[in-house]
Amino acid sequence: MPQKPLLLLAAGIAASAALVIAADASPICVKERTPFALAGDTVTWTMTIPPGSDCIQGLRWSYMQIFKVSVESGPSRGQLTVLGSGFRYVAEAGKQGPDKFTLLISGKNRHGAGTSTLEVEVNPE
């Protein structure tokens, strides 16, 4: 009888692994991702996304910590949500045309604390 709980556990792990394997990854939506340095710099990223879709993008590089991400100016044709050290942009289905938003990122890189401004240009697919 002691084997029955182990079999159930193994079946549960296999089912969980199958769900992970079957999950679809979202496509890469940020096409141009220039690194920022948290040194008072401003960088521009370009995103391509079809109407009605969303893009989740992290902001942290391997050599930095992000303390805060805030919205300087929001988009006009989509919805923007800050998610920890990243963001989620949802392109509204009924609105066509380019969009733009600006984030202020504060944190610490290898050399010290600082801020960067990130301008994201959104192009419809």
C-alpha atoms as a PDB file:
ATOM      1  CA  MET A   1       0.000   0.000   0.000  1.00  0.00           C
ATOM      2  CA  PRO A   2       2.798   2.560   0.567  1.00  0.00           C
ATOM      3  CA  GLN A   3       3.356   2.703  -3.222  1.00  0.00           C
ATOM      4  CA  LYS A   4      -0.100   4.156  -3.936  1.00  0.00           C
ATOM      5  CA  PRO A   5       0.639   7.681  -2.569  1.00  0.00           C
ATOM      6  CA  LEU A   6       3.910   7.739  -4.505  1.00  0.00           C
ATOM      7  CA  LEU A   7       2.129   6.779  -7.722  1.00  0.00           C
ATOM      8  CA  LEU A   8      -0.415   9.538  -7.192  1.00  0.00           C
ATOM      9  CA  LEU A   9       2.366  12.048  -6.549  1.00  0.00           C
ATOM     10  CA  ALA A  10       4.215  10.940  -9.676  1.00  0.00           C
ATOM     11  CA  ALA A  11       1.005  11.213 -11.736  1.00  0.00           C
ATOM     12  CA  GLY A  12       0.423  14.731 -10.385  1.00  0.00           C
ATOM     13  CA  ILE A  13       3.963  15.819 -11.258  1.00  0.00           C
ATOM     14  CA  ALA A  14       3.654  14.372 -14.768  1.00  0.00           C
ATOM     15  CA  ALA A  15       0.337  16.176 -15.304  1.00  0.00           C
ATOM     16  CA  SER A  16       1.853  19.465 -14.116  1.00  0.00           C
ATOM     17  CA  ALA A  17       4.825  19.019 -16.454  1.00  0.00           C
ATOM     18  CA  ALA A  18       2.473  18.369 -19.368  1.00  0.00           C
ATOM     19  CA  LEU A  19       0.641  21.622 -18.633  1.00  0.00           C
ATOM     20  CA  VAL A  20       3.905  23.570 -18.586  1.00  0.00           C
ATOM     21  CA  ILE A  21       5.068  22.040 -21.858  1.00  0.00           C
ATOM     22  CA  ALA A  22       1.717  22.774 -23.522  1.00  0.00           C
ATOM     23  CA  ALA A  23       1.687  26.445 -22.439  1.00  0.00           C
ATOM     24  CA  ASP A  24       2.257  28.965 -25.217  1.00  0.00           C
ATOM     25  CA  ALA A  25       4.889  31.630 -24.718  1.00  0.00           C
ATOM     26  CA  SER A  26       3.951  35.116 -25.832  1.00  0.00           C
ATOM     27  CA  PRO A  27       5.895  36.367 -28.842  1.00  0.00           C
ATOM     28  CA  ILE A  28       8.665  38.889 -28.419  1.00  0.00           C
ATOM     29  CA  CYS A  29       6.937  42.221 -28.899  1.00  0.00           C
ATOM     30  CA  VAL A  30       9.774  44.653 -28.079  1.00  0.00           C
ATOM     31  CA  LYS A  31      11.887  44.663 -31.223  1.00  0.00           C
ATOM     32  CA  GLU A  32      14.543  47.228 -30.301  1.00  0.00           C
ATOM     33  CA  ARG A  33      15.691  47.099 -26.675  1.00  0.00           C
ATOM     34  CA  THR A  34      18.590  49.469 -26.075  1.00  0.00           C
ATOM     35  CA  PRO A  35      19.975  48.950 -22.553  1.00  0.00           C
ATOM     36  CA  PHE A  36      19.544  51.821 -20.113  1.00  0.00           C
ATOM     37  CA  ALA A  37      22.199  52.627 -17.515  1.00  0.00           C
ATOM     38  CA  LEU A  38      20.295  54.262 -14.618  1.00  0.00           C
ATOM     39  CA  ALA A  39      22.558  57.269 -15.154  1.00  0.00           C
ATOM     40  CA  GLY A  40      20.018  59.969 -15.984  1.00  0.00           C
ATOM     41  CA  ASP A  41      19.826  58.615 -19.533  1.00  0.00           C
ATOM     42  CA  THR A  42      16.863  58.361 -21.908  1.00  0.00           C
ATOM     43  CA  VAL A  43      16.438  55.390 -24.232  1.00  0.00           C
ATOM     44  CA  THR A  44      13.776  54.503 -26.793  1.00  0.00           C
ATOM     45  CA  TRP A  45      12.357  51.027 -27.342  1.00  0.00           C
ATOM     46  CA  THR A  46      10.146  49.969 -30.265  1.00  0.00           C
ATOM     47  CA  MET A  47       7.260  47.568 -29.785  1.00  0.00           C
ATOM     48  CA  THR A  48       5.239  45.880 -32.539  1.00  0.00           C
ATOM     49  CA  ILE A  49       1.902  44.450 -31.449  1.00  0.00           C
ATOM     50  CA  PRO A  50      -1.384  43.621 -33.176  1.00  0.00           C
ATOM     51  CA  PRO A  51      -4.593  45.319 -31.976  1.00  0.00           C
ATOM     52  CA  GLY A  52      -6.226  43.377 -29.143  1.00  0.00           C
ATOM     53  CA  SER A  53      -2.951  41.750 -28.035  1.00  0.00           C
ATOM     54  CA  ASP A  54      -0.777  42.319 -24.992  1.00  0.00           C
ATOM     55  CA  CYS A  55       2.937  42.502 -24.270  1.00  0.00           C
ATOM     56  CA  ILE A  56       4.579  41.768 -20.923  1.00  0.00           C
ATOM     57  CA  GLN A  57       8.150  43.041 -20.686  1.00  0.00           C
ATOM     58  CA  GLY A  58      10.682  42.978 -17.860  1.00  0.00           C
ATOM     59  CA  LEU A  59      13.029  45.921 -17.395  1.00  0.00           C
ATOM     60  CA  ARG A  60      15.839  44.552 -15.220  1.00  0.00           C
ATOM     61  CA  TRP A  61      19.195  43.704 -16.749  1.00  0.00           C
ATOM     62  CA  SER A  62      21.363  41.085 -15.042  1.00  0.00           C
ATOM     63  CA  TYR A  63      23.625  43.714 -13.457  1.00  0.00           C
ATOM     64  CA  MET A  64      20.978  45.929 -11.855  1.00  0.00           C
ATOM     65  CA  GLN A  65      18.225  46.149  -9.280  1.00  0.00           C
ATOM     66  CA  ILE A  66      15.011  48.021 -10.040  1.00  0.00           C
ATOM     67  CA  PHE A  67      13.577  49.902  -7.059  1.00  0.00           C
ATOM     68  CA  LYS A  68      10.631  51.650  -8.731  1.00  0.00           C
ATOM     69  CA  VAL A  69       8.927  51.967 -12.122  1.00  0.00           C
ATOM     70  CA  SER A  70       6.476  54.827 -12.617  1.00  0.00           C
ATOM     71  CA  VAL A  71       4.461  56.058 -15.583  1.00  0.00           C
ATOM     72  CA  GLU A  72       5.572  59.510 -16.781  1.00  0.00           C
ATOM     73  CA  SER A  73       3.072  59.612 -19.646  1.00  0.00           C
ATOM     74  CA  GLY A  74       0.560  56.922 -20.486  1.00  0.00           C
ATOM     75  CA  PRO A  75      -0.542  55.526 -23.833  1.00  0.00           C
ATOM     76  CA  SER A  76      -3.511  56.894 -25.762  1.00  0.00           C
ATOM     77  CA  ARG A  77      -4.462  53.756 -27.732  1.00  0.00           C
ATOM     78  CA  GLY A  78      -3.889  51.057 -25.143  1.00  0.00           C
ATOM     79  CA  GLN A  79      -3.681  50.242 -21.457  1.00  0.00           C
ATOM     80  CA  LEU A  80      -0.458  50.180 -19.459  1.00  0.00           C
ATOM     81  CA  THR A  81       0.125  48.468 -16.109  1.00  0.00           C
ATOM     82  CA  VAL A  82       3.361  48.465 -14.119  1.00  0.00           C
ATOM     83  CA  LEU A  83       4.147  44.934 -12.913  1.00  0.00           C
ATOM     84  CA  GLY A  84       6.994  45.028 -10.383  1.00  0.00           C
ATOM     85  CA  SER A  85      10.146  45.649 -12.418  1.00  0.00           C
ATOM     86  CA  GLY A  86       8.308  45.417 -15.732  1.00  0.00           C
ATOM     87  CA  PHE A  87       5.143  46.408 -17.537  1.00  0.00           C
ATOM     88  CA  ARG A  88       2.158  45.051 -19.430  1.00  0.00           C
ATOM     89  CA  TYR A  89       0.785  46.919 -22.428  1.00  0.00           C
ATOM     90  CA  VAL A  90      -2.558  45.929 -23.952  1.00  0.00           C
ATOM     91  CA  ALA A  91      -3.308  47.309 -27.420  1.00  0.00           C
ATOM     92  CA  GLU A  92      -7.010  48.083 -27.657  1.00  0.00           C
ATOM     93  CA  ALA A  93      -8.779  46.073 -30.329  1.00  0.00           C
ATOM     94  CA  GLY A  94     -10.808  48.919 -31.833  1.00  0.00           C
ATOM     95  CA  LYS A  95      -8.038  51.515 -32.082  1.00  0.00           C
ATOM     96  CA  GLN A  96      -5.597  51.625 -34.982  1.00  0.00           C
ATOM     97  CA  GLY A  97      -2.350  53.551 -35.282  1.00  0.00           C
ATOM     98  CA  PRO A  98       0.843  54.096 -33.324  1.00  0.00           C
ATOM     99  CA  ASP A  99       1.007  54.704 -29.593  1.00  0.00           C
ATOM    100  CA  LYS A 100       3.653  55.854 -27.136  1.00  0.00           C
ATOM    101  CA  PHE A 101       4.281  55.860 -23.396  1.00  0.00           C
ATOM    102  CA  THR A 102       7.116  56.878 -21.087  1.00  0.00           C
ATOM    103  CA  LEU A 103       8.358  55.186 -17.917  1.00  0.00           C
ATOM    104  CA  LEU A 104      10.727  56.461 -15.232  1.00  0.00           C
ATOM    105  CA  ILE A 105      12.907  53.686 -13.815  1.00  0.00           C
ATOM    106  CA  SER A 106      14.904  54.044 -10.611  1.00  0.00           C
ATOM    107  CA  GLY A 107      17.311  51.508  -9.222  1.00  0.00           C
ATOM    108  CA  LYS A 108      20.927  50.557  -8.826  1.00  0.00           C
ATOM    109  CA  ASN A 109      23.383  49.213 -11.382  1.00  0.00           C
ATOM    110  CA  ARG A 110      26.937  48.039 -10.725  1.00  0.00           C
ATOM    111  CA  HIS A 111      28.128  51.601 -10.192  1.00  0.00           C
ATOM    112  CA  GLY A 112      25.411  53.135  -8.049  1.00  0.00           C
ATOM    113  CA  ALA A 113      21.842  54.307  -7.787  1.00  0.00           C
ATOM    114  CA  GLY A 114      20.148  56.400 -10.452  1.00  0.00           C
ATOM    115  CA  THR A 115      17.256  56.801 -12.856  1.00  0.00           C
ATOM    116  CA  SER A 116      16.542  56.284 -16.538  1.00  0.00           C
ATOM    117  CA  THR A 117      13.694  57.404 -18.752  1.00  0.00           C
ATOM    118  CA  LEU A 118      12.291  54.789 -21.126  1.00  0.00           C
ATOM    119  CA  GLU A 119      10.236  55.922 -24.101  1.00  0.00           C
ATOM    120  CA  VAL A 120       8.318  53.086 -25.771  1.00  0.00           C
ATOM    121  CA  GLU A 121       7.011  53.585 -29.299  1.00  0.00           C
ATOM    122  CA  VAL A 122       4.220  51.162 -30.181  1.00  0.00           C
ATOM    123  CA  ASN A 123       3.630  50.237 -33.801  1.00  0.00           C
ATOM    124  CA  PRO A 124       0.587  48.228 -34.895  1.00  0.00           C
ATOM    125  CA  GLU A 125       1.299  44.912 -36.574  1.00  0.00           C
END
